[in-house]
Each structure stands twice: as C-alpha cells, then as structure tokens.
C-alpha cells in the first residue's frame, strides 16, 4: 500500500491477500517478512513460472512474425502469378 499525495493506493494483490488472511496482510504492512520453507519454495516456483511465461511470450512473438512473413510471401507469389498471366498469356 502506498500513499501518493493525499491518496491511499491499494494494489489488487493486497486486496486478495487481505481477503485470504487479514492478519498476514497487516503483518506485511508493518514490515514483517514471513519465513518458512514453503514460502521460499513458493517464491522459487513463482520465479520459475515467470521465466517460463517470458519464454512462451517470446516464442509466440516469433510465431506471429513467421506467420506474417509467410502470408506476405504467399501474397507476393500470388501477385507474381497474376502479373505473369496478364503479361505473358
């Protein structure tokens, strides 16, 4: 939670945390950092998942570029074919 000028800004993740456990939300606001093997494992899994999401996003972008290039090449081939038919038939 941040204060910006006179406005209090609450993140959506804070709302979810408060709904799940108001005590944990309050402790985190007070600066308490939870410690447990499960928390460490969860943070590591989230980090790994973030890396996987980045990889998938990059691959999807490559696929979109490849699809665009393929469509452009098909259109060029069609245009060459049509021009060939018009001028050489």
N, C-alpha and C. Protein backbone atom coordinates (compact mmCIF):
# COMPACT_ATOMS: atom_id res chain seq x y z
N UNK A 1 0.85 -1.17 0.00
CA UNK A 1 0.00 0.00 0.00
C UNK A 1 0.90 1.23 0.00
N UNK A 2 0.56 2.20 -0.83
CA UNK A 2 1.36 3.41 -0.95
C UNK A 2 0.47 4.62 -0.75
N UNK A 3 1.09 5.68 -0.28
CA UNK A 3 0.39 6.95 -0.24
C UNK A 3 0.96 7.82 -1.34
N UNK A 4 0.10 8.33 -2.17
CA UNK A 4 0.52 9.19 -3.27
C UNK A 4 -0.19 10.52 -3.08
N UNK A 5 0.56 11.51 -2.63
CA UNK A 5 -0.08 12.78 -2.28
C UNK A 5 -0.99 12.52 -1.09
N UNK A 6 -2.25 12.87 -1.23
CA UNK A 6 -3.21 12.61 -0.16
C UNK A 6 -4.04 11.36 -0.44
N UNK A 7 -3.73 10.65 -1.54
CA UNK A 7 -4.48 9.45 -1.91
C UNK A 7 -3.79 8.20 -1.39
N UNK A 8 -4.57 7.25 -0.94
CA UNK A 8 -4.06 5.98 -0.49
C UNK A 8 -4.25 4.98 -1.61
N UNK A 9 -3.17 4.35 -2.08
CA UNK A 9 -3.25 3.42 -3.19
C UNK A 9 -3.08 2.00 -2.65
N UNK A 10 -4.06 1.16 -2.94
CA UNK A 10 -4.02 -0.24 -2.53
C UNK A 10 -3.96 -1.09 -3.79
N UNK A 11 -2.98 -1.99 -3.86
CA UNK A 11 -2.83 -2.86 -5.01
C UNK A 11 -3.87 -3.97 -4.96
N UNK A 12 -4.22 -4.48 -6.13
CA UNK A 12 -5.17 -5.59 -6.20
C UNK A 12 -4.65 -6.81 -5.45
N UNK A 13 -3.34 -7.03 -5.50
CA UNK A 13 -2.76 -8.17 -4.79
C UNK A 13 -2.95 -8.02 -3.28
N UNK A 14 -2.94 -6.78 -2.79
CA UNK A 14 -3.16 -6.56 -1.37
C UNK A 14 -4.60 -6.90 -0.98
N UNK A 15 -5.53 -6.59 -1.85
CA UNK A 15 -6.93 -6.92 -1.56
C UNK A 15 -7.09 -8.43 -1.47
N UNK A 16 -6.49 -9.13 -2.43
CA UNK A 16 -6.55 -10.60 -2.40
C UNK A 16 -5.91 -11.16 -1.15
N UNK A 17 -4.77 -10.59 -0.77
CA UNK A 17 -4.09 -11.07 0.45
C UNK A 17 -4.94 -10.78 1.68
N UNK A 18 -5.57 -9.61 1.74
CA UNK A 18 -6.40 -9.27 2.88
C UNK A 18 -7.59 -10.22 2.99
N UNK A 19 -8.20 -10.53 1.85
CA UNK A 19 -9.35 -11.44 1.87
C UNK A 19 -8.91 -12.83 2.33
N UNK A 20 -7.72 -13.26 1.85
CA UNK A 20 -7.23 -14.58 2.24
C UNK A 20 -6.85 -14.63 3.71
N UNK A 21 -6.11 -13.59 4.18
CA UNK A 21 -5.67 -13.59 5.58
C UNK A 21 -5.40 -12.16 6.02
N UNK A 22 -6.35 -11.53 6.69
CA UNK A 22 -6.16 -10.15 7.14
C UNK A 22 -4.96 -9.97 8.08
N UNK A 23 -4.68 -10.98 8.89
CA UNK A 23 -3.55 -10.88 9.81
C UNK A 23 -2.23 -10.82 9.04
N UNK A 24 -2.06 -11.72 8.05
CA UNK A 24 -0.84 -11.71 7.24
C UNK A 24 -0.70 -10.39 6.50
N UNK A 25 -1.81 -9.87 5.99
CA UNK A 25 -1.79 -8.58 5.29
C UNK A 25 -1.30 -7.48 6.23
N UNK A 26 -1.85 -7.45 7.46
CA UNK A 26 -1.47 -6.44 8.44
C UNK A 26 0.02 -6.57 8.81
N UNK A 27 0.47 -7.80 9.05
CA UNK A 27 1.87 -8.01 9.41
C UNK A 27 2.81 -7.56 8.29
N UNK A 28 2.43 -7.85 7.05
CA UNK A 28 3.26 -7.42 5.93
C UNK A 28 3.33 -5.90 5.84
N UNK A 29 2.22 -5.24 6.09
CA UNK A 29 2.20 -3.77 6.09
C UNK A 29 3.10 -3.20 7.17
N UNK A 30 3.26 -3.94 8.26
CA UNK A 30 4.11 -3.50 9.35
C UNK A 30 5.59 -3.81 9.10
N UNK A 31 5.88 -4.46 7.97
CA UNK A 31 7.26 -4.75 7.61
C UNK A 31 7.73 -6.15 7.96
N UNK A 32 6.85 -6.95 8.53
CA UNK A 32 7.22 -8.32 8.88
C UNK A 32 7.36 -9.16 7.62
N UNK A 33 8.44 -9.89 7.51
CA UNK A 33 8.65 -10.79 6.38
C UNK A 33 8.50 -12.22 6.89
N UNK A 34 7.57 -12.94 6.32
CA UNK A 34 7.36 -14.32 6.71
C UNK A 34 8.53 -15.20 6.29
N UNK A 35 8.81 -16.19 7.09
CA UNK A 35 9.90 -17.12 6.78
C UNK A 35 9.41 -18.54 6.96
N UNK A 36 9.55 -19.32 5.92
CA UNK A 36 9.23 -20.75 6.01
C UNK A 36 9.74 -21.42 4.75
N UNK A 37 10.00 -22.72 4.84
CA UNK A 37 10.43 -23.44 3.63
C UNK A 37 9.36 -23.38 2.53
N UNK A 38 8.10 -23.42 2.95
CA UNK A 38 7.03 -23.37 1.95
C UNK A 38 7.01 -22.03 1.23
N UNK A 39 7.25 -20.95 1.97
CA UNK A 39 7.28 -19.62 1.36
C UNK A 39 8.46 -19.51 0.39
N UNK A 40 9.62 -19.99 0.82
CA UNK A 40 10.79 -19.97 -0.07
C UNK A 40 10.53 -20.78 -1.33
N UNK A 41 9.92 -21.95 -1.18
CA UNK A 41 9.60 -22.81 -2.32
C UNK A 41 8.60 -22.11 -3.25
N UNK A 42 7.61 -21.45 -2.66
CA UNK A 42 6.62 -20.73 -3.45
C UNK A 42 7.24 -19.59 -4.24
N UNK A 43 8.15 -18.85 -3.60
CA UNK A 43 8.83 -17.75 -4.30
C UNK A 43 9.66 -18.29 -5.46
N UNK A 44 10.34 -19.41 -5.22
CA UNK A 44 11.15 -20.01 -6.28
C UNK A 44 10.27 -20.49 -7.44
N UNK A 45 9.14 -21.10 -7.12
CA UNK A 45 8.23 -21.58 -8.17
C UNK A 45 7.66 -20.42 -8.96
N UNK A 46 7.32 -19.32 -8.29
CA UNK A 46 6.82 -18.15 -9.00
C UNK A 46 7.88 -17.57 -9.93
N UNK A 47 9.11 -17.56 -9.46
CA UNK A 47 10.20 -17.07 -10.30
C UNK A 47 10.38 -17.96 -11.53
N UNK A 48 10.35 -19.27 -11.31
CA UNK A 48 10.46 -20.21 -12.44
C UNK A 48 9.31 -20.02 -13.42
N UNK A 49 8.11 -19.86 -12.87
CA UNK A 49 6.94 -19.69 -13.72
C UNK A 49 7.06 -18.41 -14.53
N UNK A 50 7.58 -17.35 -13.92
CA UNK A 50 7.78 -16.09 -14.64
C UNK A 50 8.73 -16.28 -15.81
N UNK A 51 9.80 -17.07 -15.61
CA UNK A 51 10.72 -17.35 -16.69
C UNK A 51 10.06 -18.13 -17.81
N UNK A 52 9.22 -19.10 -17.43
CA UNK A 52 8.51 -19.88 -18.44
C UNK A 52 7.54 -19.00 -19.23
N UNK A 53 6.87 -18.09 -18.54
CA UNK A 53 5.93 -17.19 -19.23
C UNK A 53 6.69 -16.30 -20.21
N UNK A 54 7.86 -15.80 -19.79
CA UNK A 54 8.67 -14.98 -20.69
C UNK A 54 9.07 -15.77 -21.93
N UNK A 55 9.47 -17.03 -21.74
CA UNK A 55 9.86 -17.88 -22.86
C UNK A 55 8.70 -18.10 -23.82
N UNK A 56 7.53 -18.40 -23.27
CA UNK A 56 6.35 -18.63 -24.11
C UNK A 56 5.99 -17.36 -24.87
N UNK A 57 6.06 -16.22 -24.20
CA UNK A 57 5.75 -14.94 -24.86
C UNK A 57 6.70 -14.68 -26.02
N UNK A 58 7.98 -14.94 -25.83
CA UNK A 58 8.96 -14.75 -26.91
C UNK A 58 8.68 -15.70 -28.07
N UNK A 59 8.35 -16.95 -27.76
CA UNK A 59 8.06 -17.93 -28.81
C UNK A 59 6.80 -17.54 -29.58
N UNK A 60 5.78 -17.05 -28.87
CA UNK A 60 4.55 -16.61 -29.55
C UNK A 60 4.85 -15.45 -30.49
N UNK A 61 5.72 -14.54 -30.06
CA UNK A 61 6.08 -13.41 -30.92
C UNK A 61 6.78 -13.91 -32.17
N UNK A 62 7.70 -14.86 -32.01
CA UNK A 62 8.39 -15.44 -33.18
C UNK A 62 7.39 -16.08 -34.13
N UNK A 63 6.40 -16.79 -33.56
CA UNK A 63 5.39 -17.44 -34.41
C UNK A 63 4.57 -16.42 -35.18
N UNK A 64 4.21 -15.31 -34.53
CA UNK A 64 3.43 -14.27 -35.21
C UNK A 64 4.25 -13.65 -36.35
N UNK A 65 5.53 -13.40 -36.09
CA UNK A 65 6.40 -12.84 -37.15
C UNK A 65 6.51 -13.84 -38.30
N UNK A 66 6.71 -15.12 -37.98
CA UNK A 66 6.80 -16.14 -39.02
C UNK A 66 5.52 -16.24 -39.83
N UNK A 67 4.37 -16.17 -39.16
CA UNK A 67 3.09 -16.21 -39.87
C UNK A 67 2.94 -15.00 -40.78
N UNK A 68 3.31 -13.83 -40.29
CA UNK A 68 3.22 -12.62 -41.10
C UNK A 68 4.10 -12.74 -42.34
N UNK A 69 5.34 -13.20 -42.16
CA UNK A 69 6.27 -13.36 -43.29
C UNK A 69 5.69 -14.37 -44.29
N UNK A 70 5.14 -15.46 -43.80
CA UNK A 70 4.55 -16.47 -44.68
C UNK A 70 3.40 -15.91 -45.50
N UNK A 71 2.53 -15.14 -44.85
CA UNK A 71 1.39 -14.54 -45.56
C UNK A 71 1.88 -13.55 -46.61
N UNK A 72 2.87 -12.74 -46.27
CA UNK A 72 3.41 -11.78 -47.24
C UNK A 72 4.01 -12.51 -48.44
N UNK A 73 4.74 -13.60 -48.18
CA UNK A 73 5.33 -14.37 -49.29
C UNK A 73 4.25 -14.98 -50.18
N UNK A 74 3.19 -15.50 -49.59
CA UNK A 74 2.08 -16.06 -50.37
C UNK A 74 1.44 -14.97 -51.22
N UNK A 75 1.23 -13.79 -50.65
CA UNK A 75 0.64 -12.68 -51.41
C UNK A 75 1.54 -12.25 -52.56
N UNK A 76 2.84 -12.20 -52.31
CA UNK A 76 3.79 -11.84 -53.38
C UNK A 76 3.76 -12.89 -54.48
N UNK A 77 3.74 -14.16 -54.09
CA UNK A 77 3.69 -15.23 -55.10
C UNK A 77 2.41 -15.14 -55.92
N UNK A 78 1.30 -14.84 -55.27
CA UNK A 78 0.04 -14.68 -55.99
C UNK A 78 0.07 -13.51 -56.94
N UNK A 79 0.65 -12.41 -56.50
CA UNK A 79 0.76 -11.23 -57.35
C UNK A 79 1.66 -11.52 -58.56
N UNK A 80 2.78 -12.20 -58.34
CA UNK A 80 3.68 -12.57 -59.45
C UNK A 80 2.94 -13.47 -60.42
N UNK A 81 2.18 -14.42 -59.91
CA UNK A 81 1.42 -15.33 -60.78
C UNK A 81 0.41 -14.55 -61.62
N UNK A 82 -0.32 -13.64 -60.98
CA UNK A 82 -1.32 -12.85 -61.71
C UNK A 82 -0.66 -11.97 -62.77
N UNK A 83 0.44 -11.32 -62.43
CA UNK A 83 1.14 -10.49 -63.40
C UNK A 83 1.69 -11.34 -64.55
N UNK A 84 2.17 -12.52 -64.24
CA UNK A 84 2.65 -13.43 -65.27
C UNK A 84 1.52 -13.78 -66.25
N UNK A 85 0.35 -14.06 -65.71
CA UNK A 85 -0.81 -14.43 -66.53
C UNK A 85 -1.24 -13.24 -67.42
N UNK A 86 -1.20 -12.04 -66.87
CA UNK A 86 -1.63 -10.87 -67.62
C UNK A 86 -0.65 -10.51 -68.73
N UNK A 87 0.64 -10.55 -68.46
CA UNK A 87 1.62 -10.07 -69.42
C UNK A 87 2.18 -11.15 -70.35
N UNK A 88 2.10 -12.41 -69.96
CA UNK A 88 2.73 -13.44 -70.77
C UNK A 88 1.75 -14.50 -71.28
N UNK A 89 0.48 -14.23 -71.20
CA UNK A 89 -0.51 -15.18 -71.72
C UNK A 89 -1.20 -14.65 -72.93
